[in-house]
Protein backbone atom coordinates (compact mmCIF):
# COMPACT_ATOMS: atom_id res chain seq x y z
CA MET A 1 -15.15 -19.12 -3.74
CA ASN A 2 -11.53 -19.72 -2.68
CA ILE A 3 -8.92 -17.27 -4.04
CA ALA A 4 -6.93 -20.27 -5.34
CA THR A 5 -9.64 -20.54 -8.00
CA ILE A 6 -8.17 -17.42 -9.57
CA LEU A 7 -4.88 -19.20 -10.24
CA ASP A 8 -6.63 -22.33 -11.50
CA MET A 9 -8.58 -20.25 -14.02
CA ALA A 10 -5.48 -18.38 -15.22
CA ALA A 11 -3.40 -21.57 -15.52
CA GLU A 12 -6.09 -23.35 -17.49
CA ALA A 13 -6.75 -20.42 -19.82
CA PHE A 14 -3.19 -19.13 -20.32
CA GLY A 15 -0.85 -21.71 -18.83
CA ASP A 16 2.05 -20.79 -21.14
CA ARG A 17 1.79 -17.04 -20.49
CA VAL A 18 4.47 -15.59 -18.20
CA ALA A 19 2.93 -14.81 -14.83
CA VAL A 20 5.95 -13.48 -12.94
CA ALA A 21 9.20 -11.88 -14.09
CA SER A 22 11.62 -11.24 -11.24
CA GLY A 23 15.23 -10.58 -12.13
CA ALA A 24 16.29 -13.51 -14.30
CA SER A 25 13.44 -15.73 -13.06
CA ARG A 26 10.35 -16.42 -15.12
CA PHE A 27 7.28 -18.41 -14.09
CA THR A 28 4.36 -19.13 -16.38
CA TYR A 29 0.87 -19.42 -14.92
CA ALA A 30 1.12 -23.21 -15.23
CA GLN A 31 4.44 -23.17 -13.38
CA LEU A 32 3.06 -20.81 -10.75
CA ARG A 33 0.25 -23.24 -10.04
CA GLU A 34 2.69 -26.18 -9.98
CA ARG A 35 4.89 -24.36 -7.43
CA ALA A 36 1.88 -23.37 -5.32
CA CYS A 37 0.58 -26.95 -5.25
CA ALA A 38 4.02 -28.28 -4.29
CA ALA A 39 4.26 -25.70 -1.52
CA ALA A 40 0.75 -26.52 -0.29
CA ALA A 41 1.76 -30.16 0.17
CA ALA A 42 4.82 -29.15 2.21
CA ILE A 43 2.77 -26.71 4.28
CA LYS A 44 0.16 -29.35 5.11
CA ALA A 45 2.89 -31.82 6.07
CA SER A 46 4.42 -29.28 8.46
CA GLY A 47 1.23 -29.00 10.50
CA ALA A 48 1.35 -25.20 10.28
CA GLN A 49 -1.75 -23.10 10.87
CA TYR A 50 -0.37 -20.02 9.07
CA VAL A 51 1.86 -19.33 6.07
CA ALA A 52 4.12 -16.36 6.85
CA LEU A 53 6.40 -14.44 4.51
CA LEU A 54 9.27 -12.26 5.73
CA ASP A 55 10.86 -11.11 2.52
CA VAL A 56 10.93 -8.56 -0.28
CA ASN A 57 9.09 -9.02 -3.55
CA SER A 58 10.00 -12.24 -5.33
CA PRO A 59 8.12 -15.14 -6.96
CA ALA A 60 7.80 -16.57 -3.44
CA ALA A 61 5.09 -14.00 -2.66
CA PRO A 62 2.48 -15.13 -5.22
CA VAL A 63 3.44 -18.77 -4.66
CA ALA A 64 2.90 -18.35 -0.91
CA ILE A 65 -0.44 -16.55 -1.34
CA PHE A 66 -1.91 -19.33 -3.45
CA ALA A 67 -0.16 -22.15 -1.56
CA ALA A 68 -1.81 -20.97 1.64
CA ALA A 69 -5.17 -20.91 -0.12
CA TYR A 70 -4.66 -24.44 -1.47
CA ALA A 71 -3.60 -25.60 2.00
CA GLY A 72 -6.65 -23.98 3.57
CA ILE A 73 -4.84 -21.72 6.04
CA PRO A 74 -4.26 -17.93 6.23
CA TYR A 75 -1.42 -16.14 4.47
CA VAL A 76 0.41 -13.65 6.72
CA PRO A 77 3.05 -11.41 5.13
CA LEU A 78 5.22 -9.69 7.73
CA ASN A 79 6.73 -6.22 7.57
CA TYR A 80 10.46 -6.76 7.08
CA ARG A 81 11.11 -3.10 7.96
CA LEU A 82 10.20 -3.66 11.59
CA THR A 83 12.84 -4.10 14.26
CA ALA A 84 13.92 -7.62 15.19
CA PRO A 85 11.94 -7.61 18.48
CA GLU A 86 8.81 -6.42 16.65
CA ILE A 87 9.18 -9.11 13.98
CA ASN A 88 9.69 -11.88 16.50
CA GLU A 89 6.67 -10.75 18.50
CA LEU A 90 4.52 -11.12 15.38
CA VAL A 91 6.04 -14.52 14.59
CA GLU A 92 5.05 -15.71 18.06
CA ARG A 93 1.48 -14.61 17.36
CA VAL A 94 1.18 -16.79 14.24
CA ALA A 95 2.89 -19.95 15.52
CA PRO A 96 2.66 -22.73 14.48
CA ALA A 97 3.64 -21.34 11.10
CA TYR A 98 5.44 -22.15 7.88
CA LEU A 99 7.67 -19.11 7.38
CA ILE A 100 9.43 -18.22 4.13
CA THR A 101 12.35 -15.81 4.29
CA SER A 102 15.79 -15.13 2.86
CA GLY A 103 19.21 -13.64 3.53
CA GLU A 104 19.39 -10.78 6.00
CA TYR A 105 15.80 -11.22 7.14
CA ALA A 106 16.45 -14.79 8.27
CA LYS A 107 19.11 -13.41 10.63
CA LEU A 108 16.48 -11.33 12.43
CA LEU A 109 14.53 -14.40 13.52
CA GLN A 110 14.88 -16.05 16.90
CA PRO A 111 14.05 -19.76 17.32
CA HIS A 112 10.31 -20.20 17.80
CA ALA A 113 8.60 -23.44 18.79
CA GLY A 114 6.33 -24.66 16.06
CA VAL A 115 7.73 -22.34 13.37
CA THR A 116 9.23 -24.00 10.30
CA VAL A 117 11.63 -21.55 8.63
CA VAL A 118 12.26 -22.17 4.93
CA ASP A 119 14.70 -20.31 2.69
CA ARG A 120 13.13 -18.67 -0.33
CA ALA A 121 15.24 -20.64 -2.85
CA ALA A 122 14.33 -23.95 -1.19
CA PHE A 123 10.67 -22.93 -1.09
CA LEU A 124 10.63 -22.26 -4.83
CA SER A 125 12.41 -25.58 -5.51
CA LEU A 126 10.14 -27.95 -3.58
CA PRO A 127 9.48 -31.23 -5.41
CA ALA A 128 6.28 -31.31 -7.41
CA SER A 129 3.35 -32.99 -5.68
CA ASP A 130 1.37 -35.75 -7.36
CA ALA A 131 -1.65 -34.92 -5.25
CA VAL A 132 -3.96 -32.22 -6.55
CA PRO A 133 -5.04 -30.13 -3.54
CA GLU A 134 -8.73 -29.94 -2.85
CA ILE A 135 -9.70 -26.29 -2.64
CA GLY A 136 -11.84 -25.47 0.35
CA ASP A 137 -15.29 -24.18 -0.49
CA ASP A 138 -15.98 -22.17 2.67
CA PRO A 139 -16.16 -18.51 1.56
CA ARG A 140 -15.97 -17.45 5.21
CA ALA A 141 -12.58 -19.06 5.73
CA VAL A 142 -9.74 -16.61 6.41
CA ALA A 143 -7.56 -16.08 3.35
CA VAL A 144 -5.21 -13.33 4.50
CA GLN A 145 -4.21 -11.89 7.86
CA LEU A 146 -2.41 -8.55 7.87
CA PHE A 147 -0.90 -6.85 10.88
CA THR A 148 -1.77 -3.18 10.96
CA SER A 149 -0.93 -0.58 13.61
CA GLY A 150 -3.78 1.22 15.31
CA THR A 151 -3.82 4.24 17.57
CA THR A 152 -2.24 2.31 20.43
CA GLY A 153 0.64 1.24 18.19
CA LYS A 154 0.17 -2.47 19.03
CA PRO A 155 -0.33 -4.28 15.72
CA LYS A 156 -3.84 -5.60 15.16
CA ALA A 157 -4.43 -8.64 12.98
CA ALA A 158 -6.85 -7.61 10.24
CA ILE A 159 -8.73 -10.56 8.76
CA LEU A 160 -9.71 -10.84 5.10
CA ARG A 161 -11.89 -13.78 4.20
CA HIS A 162 -12.04 -15.45 0.80
CA GLU A 163 -15.46 -13.91 0.16
CA ASN A 164 -14.13 -10.40 0.84
CA LEU A 165 -11.21 -10.72 -1.56
CA MET A 166 -13.20 -12.49 -4.25
CA SER A 167 -15.92 -9.84 -4.06
CA TYR A 168 -13.29 -7.16 -4.65
CA ILE A 169 -11.55 -8.97 -7.51
CA VAL A 170 -14.65 -10.13 -9.39
CA GLY A 171 -16.27 -6.74 -8.87
CA THR A 172 -13.38 -4.69 -10.24
CA VAL A 173 -11.45 -6.89 -12.70
CA GLU A 174 -12.53 -8.64 -15.88
CA PHE A 175 -11.21 -12.18 -16.22
CA ALA A 176 -8.43 -12.55 -18.84
CA ALA A 177 -8.73 -8.84 -19.71
CA ALA A 178 -4.97 -8.45 -20.25
CA ASP A 179 -3.42 -8.69 -23.70
CA ASP A 180 -0.51 -11.02 -24.35
CA ASN A 181 2.04 -8.23 -23.94
CA ASP A 182 0.49 -6.47 -20.95
CA ALA A 183 2.64 -6.21 -17.83
CA ILE A 184 2.29 -4.56 -14.43
CA ILE A 185 5.31 -3.47 -12.43
CA VAL A 186 4.99 -4.41 -8.75
CA THR A 187 7.01 -2.27 -6.35
CA VAL A 188 4.78 -2.11 -3.26
CA PRO A 189 6.02 -4.53 -0.57
CA PRO A 190 4.24 -7.86 -0.16
CA TYR A 191 3.05 -7.00 3.37
CA HIS A 192 0.90 -4.14 2.03
CA ILE A 193 -2.70 -4.79 0.97
CA ALA A 194 -1.83 -3.24 -2.40
CA GLY A 195 0.84 -5.90 -2.89
CA ILE A 196 -1.69 -8.65 -2.27
CA SER A 197 -4.35 -7.11 -4.48
CA ALA A 198 -1.74 -6.68 -7.25
CA VAL A 199 -1.12 -10.44 -7.24
CA LEU A 200 -4.80 -11.38 -7.17
CA SER A 201 -6.04 -8.83 -9.71
CA SER A 202 -3.13 -9.45 -12.10
CA THR A 203 -3.64 -13.22 -11.93
CA TYR A 204 -7.38 -12.84 -12.61
CA ALA A 205 -6.61 -10.55 -15.55
CA CYS A 206 -3.86 -12.99 -16.68
CA ARG A 207 -1.36 -10.12 -16.72
CA ARG A 208 2.40 -10.53 -16.39
CA MET A 209 3.81 -9.25 -13.08
CA VAL A 210 7.25 -7.60 -13.17
CA GLN A 211 8.64 -7.56 -9.64
CA LEU A 212 11.21 -5.19 -8.16
CA ASP A 213 12.60 -6.14 -4.75
CA GLY A 214 12.83 -2.50 -3.74
CA PHE A 215 12.02 0.91 -5.13
CA ASP A 216 14.45 3.18 -6.92
CA ALA A 217 13.19 5.77 -9.40
CA LYS A 218 15.91 5.14 -11.99
CA ALA A 219 15.51 1.35 -11.72
CA TRP A 220 11.72 1.70 -12.01
CA LEU A 221 12.00 3.68 -15.24
CA ALA A 222 14.55 1.21 -16.62
CA ALA A 223 12.31 -1.76 -15.78
CA CYS A 224 9.33 -0.08 -17.41
CA ARG A 225 11.33 0.26 -20.63
CA GLU A 226 12.96 -3.18 -20.49
CA HIS A 227 9.69 -5.04 -19.87
CA ALA A 228 7.40 -2.75 -21.87
CA VAL A 229 5.31 -2.21 -18.74
CA SER A 230 1.71 -1.23 -19.45
CA ASN A 231 0.37 -0.86 -15.90
CA ALA A 232 1.78 0.39 -12.61
CA PHE A 233 0.79 1.13 -9.03
CA LEU A 234 2.74 3.53 -6.84
CA VAL A 235 2.35 5.07 -3.43
CA PRO A 236 2.63 8.88 -3.55
CA THR A 237 6.18 8.89 -2.20
CA MET A 238 7.34 6.69 -5.08
CA LEU A 239 5.73 8.92 -7.70
CA GLN A 240 7.31 11.96 -6.05
CA ARG A 241 10.73 10.32 -6.30
CA ILE A 242 10.20 9.56 -9.97
CA VAL A 243 9.21 13.18 -10.60
CA ASP A 244 12.25 14.41 -8.65
CA HIS A 245 14.59 12.02 -10.46
CA LEU A 246 13.37 13.17 -13.86
CA ALA A 247 13.77 16.82 -12.84
CA GLU A 248 17.29 16.26 -11.52
CA SER A 249 18.51 14.02 -14.33
CA GLY A 250 16.86 15.93 -17.17
CA GLU A 251 15.72 12.69 -18.73
CA PRO A 252 13.34 13.61 -21.59
CA ALA A 253 12.24 11.45 -24.49
CA SER A 254 15.42 11.54 -26.54
CA ARG A 255 16.02 10.34 -30.07
CA ARG A 256 18.82 8.10 -28.76
CA GLU A 257 16.49 6.32 -26.29
CA ARG A 258 13.94 5.70 -29.04
CA SER A 259 16.62 4.42 -31.39
CA ALA A 260 17.97 2.08 -28.70
CA ALA A 261 14.47 0.69 -28.32
CA GLY A 262 14.33 0.02 -32.06
CA GLU A 263 11.68 2.68 -32.56
CA SER A 264 11.69 5.55 -35.01
CA ASP A 265 10.42 9.02 -34.18
CA GLU A 266 7.53 8.44 -36.56
CA ALA A 267 6.66 5.12 -34.92
CA ALA A 268 6.73 6.54 -31.41
CA THR A 269 3.41 7.09 -29.80
CA ALA A 270 2.63 10.78 -29.91
CA PRO A 271 1.58 11.88 -26.44
CA ALA A 272 -1.58 13.87 -25.98
CA PRO A 273 -0.97 17.49 -25.05
CA ALA A 274 -1.14 18.31 -21.37
CA PRO A 275 -4.22 20.22 -20.24
CA ALA A 276 -3.82 23.96 -20.54
CA SER A 277 -3.96 24.37 -16.76
CA LEU A 278 -0.86 22.19 -16.39
CA ARG A 279 1.31 23.85 -19.04
CA GLU A 280 2.77 26.57 -16.86
CA GLY A 281 6.30 25.47 -16.05
CA ALA A 282 5.80 22.52 -18.38
CA VAL A 283 8.47 19.85 -18.78
CA SER A 284 9.29 17.51 -21.64
CA PRO A 285 7.19 14.33 -21.69
CA VAL A 286 9.00 11.12 -20.79
CA HIS A 287 9.14 8.41 -23.43
CA LEU A 288 7.46 5.29 -21.99
CA PRO A 289 5.20 4.35 -24.89
CA ALA A 290 4.01 1.04 -23.43
CA LEU A 291 2.83 2.57 -20.15
CA ARG A 292 -0.92 3.13 -20.38
CA SER A 293 -2.21 3.12 -16.82
CA LEU A 294 -0.73 4.33 -13.53
CA ALA A 295 -2.68 3.97 -10.30
CA TYR A 296 -1.64 5.48 -7.02
CA GLY A 297 -2.80 5.27 -3.41
CA GLY A 298 -1.77 4.40 0.13
CA GLY A 299 -1.44 8.00 1.27
CA LYS A 300 -2.22 11.59 0.41
CA MET A 301 -0.92 12.63 -3.00
CA PRO A 302 0.51 16.17 -3.04
CA LEU A 303 -1.32 18.18 -5.68
CA ALA A 304 1.93 19.49 -7.17
CA THR A 305 3.20 15.94 -7.63
CA ILE A 306 0.22 14.63 -9.59
CA GLN A 307 0.13 17.79 -11.72
CA LYS A 308 3.80 17.39 -12.64
CA ALA A 309 3.34 13.65 -13.27
CA MET A 310 0.51 14.38 -15.70
CA GLN A 311 2.89 16.67 -17.57
CA LEU A 312 5.66 14.08 -17.66
CA PHE A 313 3.34 11.24 -18.75
CA PRO A 314 0.56 12.94 -20.75
CA HIS A 315 -0.42 9.74 -22.56
CA VAL A 316 -0.91 7.77 -19.30
CA ASP A 317 -4.27 7.16 -17.63
CA PHE A 318 -3.90 8.14 -13.96
CA THR A 319 -6.13 6.62 -11.27
CA ASN A 320 -6.28 7.50 -7.60
CA ALA A 321 -7.27 4.35 -5.71
CA TYR A 322 -8.38 4.84 -2.11
CA GLY A 323 -8.73 1.79 0.09
CA LEU A 324 -7.83 0.17 3.37
CA THR A 325 -6.55 -3.17 4.55
CA GLU A 326 -9.91 -3.85 6.20
CA THR A 327 -11.78 -3.24 2.92
CA SER A 328 -9.75 -5.68 0.77
CA SER A 329 -8.15 -2.71 -1.03
CA THR A 330 -9.85 -0.11 -3.22
CA ILE A 331 -13.22 1.40 -2.30
CA ALA A 332 -13.12 4.70 -4.22
CA VAL A 333 -11.53 5.69 -7.51
CA LEU A 334 -10.67 8.95 -9.24
CA GLY A 335 -10.39 7.71 -12.79
CA PRO A 336 -8.43 8.93 -15.82
CA GLU A 337 -11.22 11.07 -17.25
CA ASP A 338 -11.74 12.63 -13.82
CA HIS A 339 -8.06 13.58 -13.75
CA ARG A 340 -8.15 15.15 -17.20
CA ALA A 341 -11.44 16.95 -16.62
CA ALA A 342 -10.26 18.40 -13.31
CA ALA A 343 -6.92 19.51 -14.74
CA ALA A 344 -8.50 21.15 -17.78
CA SER A 345 -11.47 22.82 -16.09
CA SER A 346 -11.74 26.49 -15.19
CA ASP A 347 -14.52 25.67 -12.71
CA PRO A 348 -13.01 25.62 -9.18
CA ALA A 349 -15.52 22.98 -8.05
CA VAL A 350 -14.29 20.65 -10.81
CA ARG A 351 -10.60 21.56 -10.54
CA ARG A 352 -10.45 20.71 -6.85
CA ARG A 353 -11.48 17.12 -7.62
CA LEU A 354 -7.89 16.42 -8.58
CA GLY A 355 -7.31 16.46 -4.82
CA SER A 356 -10.15 14.01 -4.15
CA VAL A 357 -10.08 10.21 -4.08
CA GLY A 358 -12.97 9.98 -6.51
CA LYS A 359 -16.24 8.14 -6.27
CA PRO A 360 -17.06 4.87 -4.48
CA GLY A 361 -16.81 1.67 -6.50
CA ALA A 362 -18.72 -1.47 -5.53
CA VAL A 363 -19.38 -0.11 -2.04
CA GLU A 364 -21.50 2.49 -0.29
CA ILE A 365 -19.97 5.44 1.57
CA GLN A 366 -21.48 7.61 4.28
CA ILE A 367 -20.16 10.61 6.17
CA ARG A 368 -21.27 10.78 9.80
CA ASP A 369 -20.72 13.12 12.69
CA GLU A 370 -19.41 11.98 16.06
CA ALA A 371 -22.96 11.17 17.17
CA GLY A 372 -23.56 8.90 14.18
CA ARG A 373 -25.81 11.30 12.25
CA VAL A 374 -25.44 11.00 8.47
CA LEU A 375 -24.15 14.28 7.08
CA GLY A 376 -24.96 16.03 3.83
CA THR A 377 -22.72 17.16 0.99
CA GLU A 378 -19.75 19.36 1.87
CA GLU A 379 -20.12 18.46 5.56
CA ALA A 380 -16.92 16.95 6.95
CA GLY A 381 -17.12 14.01 9.29
CA LEU A 382 -16.15 10.37 9.75
CA VAL A 383 -16.01 8.13 6.68
CA PHE A 384 -18.01 4.88 6.86
CA VAL A 385 -18.09 2.18 4.17
CA ARG A 386 -20.29 -0.85 3.51
CA GLY A 387 -20.14 -3.66 0.96
CA PRO A 388 -19.33 -7.36 0.41
CA GLN A 389 -15.60 -6.71 0.08
CA VAL A 390 -15.49 -4.97 3.46
CA SER A 391 -14.21 -7.22 6.23
CA GLY A 392 -13.82 -4.75 9.05
CA GLU A 393 -12.68 -7.56 11.30
CA TYR A 394 -9.71 -8.22 13.57
CA LEU A 395 -8.58 -11.51 15.00
CA GLN A 396 -8.85 -10.58 18.66
CA GLN A 397 -11.13 -7.54 18.55
CA GLY A 398 -13.71 -9.18 16.29
CA SER A 399 -15.95 -7.42 13.78
CA GLN A 400 -16.01 -3.64 13.81
CA LEU A 401 -19.10 -3.44 11.62
CA ASP A 402 -22.16 -1.81 13.11
CA ALA A 403 -25.61 -3.42 13.12
CA ASP A 404 -26.22 -2.31 9.54
CA GLY A 405 -22.88 -3.52 8.22
CA TRP A 406 -21.05 -0.16 8.13
CA PHE A 407 -17.32 -0.02 8.88
CA PRO A 408 -15.69 3.07 10.44
CA THR A 409 -12.58 3.79 8.37
CA LYS A 410 -11.20 6.22 10.99
CA ASP A 411 -10.62 8.67 8.16
CA ARG A 412 -12.27 12.06 8.05
CA GLY A 413 -13.70 13.54 4.89
CA TYR A 414 -16.69 14.83 2.99
CA LEU A 415 -18.60 14.23 -0.24
CA ASP A 416 -19.29 16.93 -2.81
CA ALA A 417 -22.57 17.31 -4.69
CA GLU A 418 -21.45 14.87 -7.39
CA GLY A 419 -20.37 12.17 -4.93
CA TYR A 420 -16.61 12.75 -5.00
CA LEU A 421 -14.91 11.90 -1.72
CA PHE A 422 -12.41 14.34 -0.20
CA LEU A 423 -10.29 13.18 2.73
CA ASP A 424 -9.28 15.50 5.56
CA GLY A 425 -6.91 13.07 7.24
CA ARG A 426 -7.01 10.39 9.88
CA ALA A 427 -9.61 10.56 12.56
CA ASP A 428 -7.19 9.02 15.00
CA ASP A 429 -3.65 10.14 15.61
CA VAL A 430 -1.72 7.69 13.45
CA ILE A 431 0.76 9.41 11.13
CA VAL A 432 0.66 8.03 7.58
CA ARG A 433 4.13 8.64 6.17
CA GLY A 434 4.67 7.36 2.64
CA GLY A 435 1.91 4.78 3.11
CA GLU A 436 3.39 3.57 6.42
CA ASN A 437 1.40 3.96 9.64
CA ILE A 438 3.41 5.45 12.49
CA SER A 439 2.17 5.54 16.07
CA PRO A 440 2.92 8.82 17.88
CA GLY A 441 2.95 6.94 21.18
CA GLU A 442 6.11 4.97 20.48
CA ILE A 443 7.99 8.14 19.54
CA GLU A 444 6.66 10.00 22.57
CA ASP A 445 7.87 7.20 24.85
CA VAL A 446 11.40 7.58 23.51
CA LEU A 447 11.36 11.37 23.80
CA LEU A 448 10.10 11.11 27.39
CA SER A 449 13.03 8.85 28.21
CA HIS A 450 15.35 11.86 27.82
CA PRO A 451 16.20 13.20 31.28
CA ALA A 452 15.43 16.77 30.28
CA VAL A 453 11.97 16.13 28.78
CA ALA A 454 8.89 16.64 30.95
CA ASP A 455 6.19 16.24 28.32
CA ALA A 456 5.96 15.40 24.61
CA ALA A 457 3.35 15.12 21.91
CA VAL A 458 3.95 13.84 18.39
CA VAL A 459 1.66 14.77 15.52
CA ALA A 460 1.53 14.67 11.75
CA MET A 461 2.71 17.61 9.70
CA PRO A 462 2.27 18.21 5.97
CA ASP A 463 5.15 16.87 3.90
CA GLU A 464 5.49 17.34 0.15
CA GLN A 465 7.39 14.09 -0.36
CA TRP A 466 5.86 11.71 2.20
CA GLY A 467 2.32 13.06 2.41
CA GLU A 468 2.71 13.34 6.18
CA GLY A 469 5.81 13.86 8.28
CA VAL A 470 6.58 13.54 11.97
CA ALA A 471 6.59 16.62 14.21
CA ALA A 472 6.98 16.95 17.97
CA ALA A 473 6.15 19.49 20.65
CA ILE A 474 8.38 19.26 23.71
CA VAL A 475 8.14 20.63 27.25
CA LEU A 476 11.44 20.64 29.11
CA LYS A 477 11.82 20.17 32.84
CA PRO A 478 12.55 23.36 34.79
CA GLY A 479 16.20 24.29 34.49
CA ALA A 480 16.90 21.43 32.06
CA ALA A 481 18.28 21.79 28.54
CA ALA A 482 18.13 19.73 25.34
CA ASN A 483 18.60 20.60 21.71
CA ILE A 484 16.74 19.42 18.63
CA GLY A 485 19.64 17.40 17.27
CA GLU A 486 20.12 15.26 20.35
CA LEU A 487 16.38 14.50 20.57
CA GLN A 488 16.35 13.46 16.92
CA GLU A 489 19.38 11.25 17.47
CA LEU A 490 17.70 9.67 20.48
CA VAL A 491 14.68 8.66 18.41
CA LYS A 492 16.86 7.45 15.55
CA GLY A 493 18.88 5.29 17.92
CA LYS A 494 15.86 3.72 19.61
CA LEU A 495 13.51 3.41 16.64
CA ARG A 496 13.88 3.76 12.86
CA SER A 497 14.82 6.79 10.79
CA SER A 498 11.22 7.14 9.55
CA ARG A 499 10.20 7.85 13.17
CA VAL A 500 12.58 10.79 13.64
CA PRO A 501 10.70 14.10 14.03
CA GLN A 502 11.69 16.35 11.17
CA LYS A 503 10.54 19.38 13.14
CA ILE A 504 10.58 19.95 16.90
CA VAL A 505 9.27 22.95 18.82
CA PHE A 506 9.73 23.71 22.50
CA LYS A 507 6.67 24.81 24.50
CA ASP A 508 6.04 26.02 28.04
CA ALA A 509 3.11 23.59 28.29
CA LEU A 510 1.00 21.34 26.07
CA PRO A 511 -2.74 21.96 25.63
CA TYR A 512 -5.03 19.47 27.38
CA ASN A 513 -8.80 19.20 27.61
CA GLU A 514 -10.75 18.81 30.83
CA LEU A 515 -10.40 15.04 30.68
CA GLY A 516 -6.63 15.19 30.51
CA LYS A 517 -6.36 14.34 26.81
CA VAL A 518 -3.74 16.26 24.89
CA LEU A 519 -5.29 18.41 22.15
CA ARG A 520 -3.31 17.21 19.17
CA ARG A 521 -5.36 19.22 16.72
CA VAL A 522 -4.13 22.38 18.46
CA ILE A 523 -0.53 21.21 18.32
CA ARG A 524 -0.83 20.36 14.62
CA GLN A 525 -1.52 24.00 13.88
CA GLU A 526 2.07 24.74 14.92
CA PHE A 527 3.29 22.83 11.90
CA VAL A 528 0.81 23.81 9.18
């Protein structure tokens, strides 16, 4: 089944229901399909083999996803936070392409042969097409291609086929399950797998999508109130910023806010009391009566953050959704009842589950050692996953599935006796900061360019806000000198601010094994 079928079903069942609200723009499901069909005609006429998007959240994202599906070619959202050279390298890799962009991002692009660049406003205003596109029926056709950084730092093109995405959506979402007034707020960028799954799952549920073109805690809270948002997805960093904003602003559920919303104190939804284990240092609940469900994922959630969030939003169902690009999104879930049970329990084995990612959904999970032996409960090892939604495939590298269909996630973890999955971190050396993968190698190259630096190793360090931060161990050349500030400025000048090591230590030598590989696990202990 082609993912465009999802839009056809929603448009036929609830054509007049608002599909996307973005600023002052509104698109019903019928209009969304009309725009996608018009775009598909233009894409076919261009001769493109890919549909690329270099832009923030806007109605162009869902239109482009479905237009690519109607046109029968892959959708490729690009990370607009990359540097101009990085962006243009990716554009070269998808040419010939039909590329949608806007404003400042258009200025980053160099001329590329075979790449048709279209402004977002023009893309959303294409003339309607009389021809109804014929949806391809090859489930093995590529629907989405996402560039993801691996251990080498060179972006790999992860492939998601229609059958992978449809397996995930049909297996986790009930068609037309949303009520007329339900709305999900979409803040994750369109180049993230969570941004794509938000479009597909919301369309299948026939739920209104409220888009923000960037994340700001105050704006997020305001949008939730303005649009009566019922559902949300956040990466841990975003939830941390909301918690911090509420603590700094002292923004409780006030009588004035309720009155402004036309709601009396008696009519307001009375929040359930927070579990006893969360009441120490309790804060006043925040008044967002429409918000029922908040999912989070994309990185490690600090325990203190989720505990405080459960205090602030005691009436909200929290869900930890663990997934990867290569698995078409979520593969394990810690559901609302799991959150409440863990928070309320006096049993340490149950309480610790608040730090887990829950149980597998429509997939199987195994923990293996380095030799491939399947491990038992409480034994930490490499996480493998298998199921129809799992692609595990890259454009150039091919399928990474083993002979039995298992995909190595490159995460480390273990299962408890009840099947809850606990993650220990990445098996490789990629730093996951706020849901963004950072290659240590690119930072090390910059540090080694300093005339005083003889050796450098970059590792992840625990970070309360970002989940993981960047740390560096430096060996200086004999007689040479450098200070922390100048090394940080060097990285900031060559790369992006997210790559700047927040902590640097100077060492006489770095630890290596007998094969000449730096022992990063030893270095990490410096920053624990």
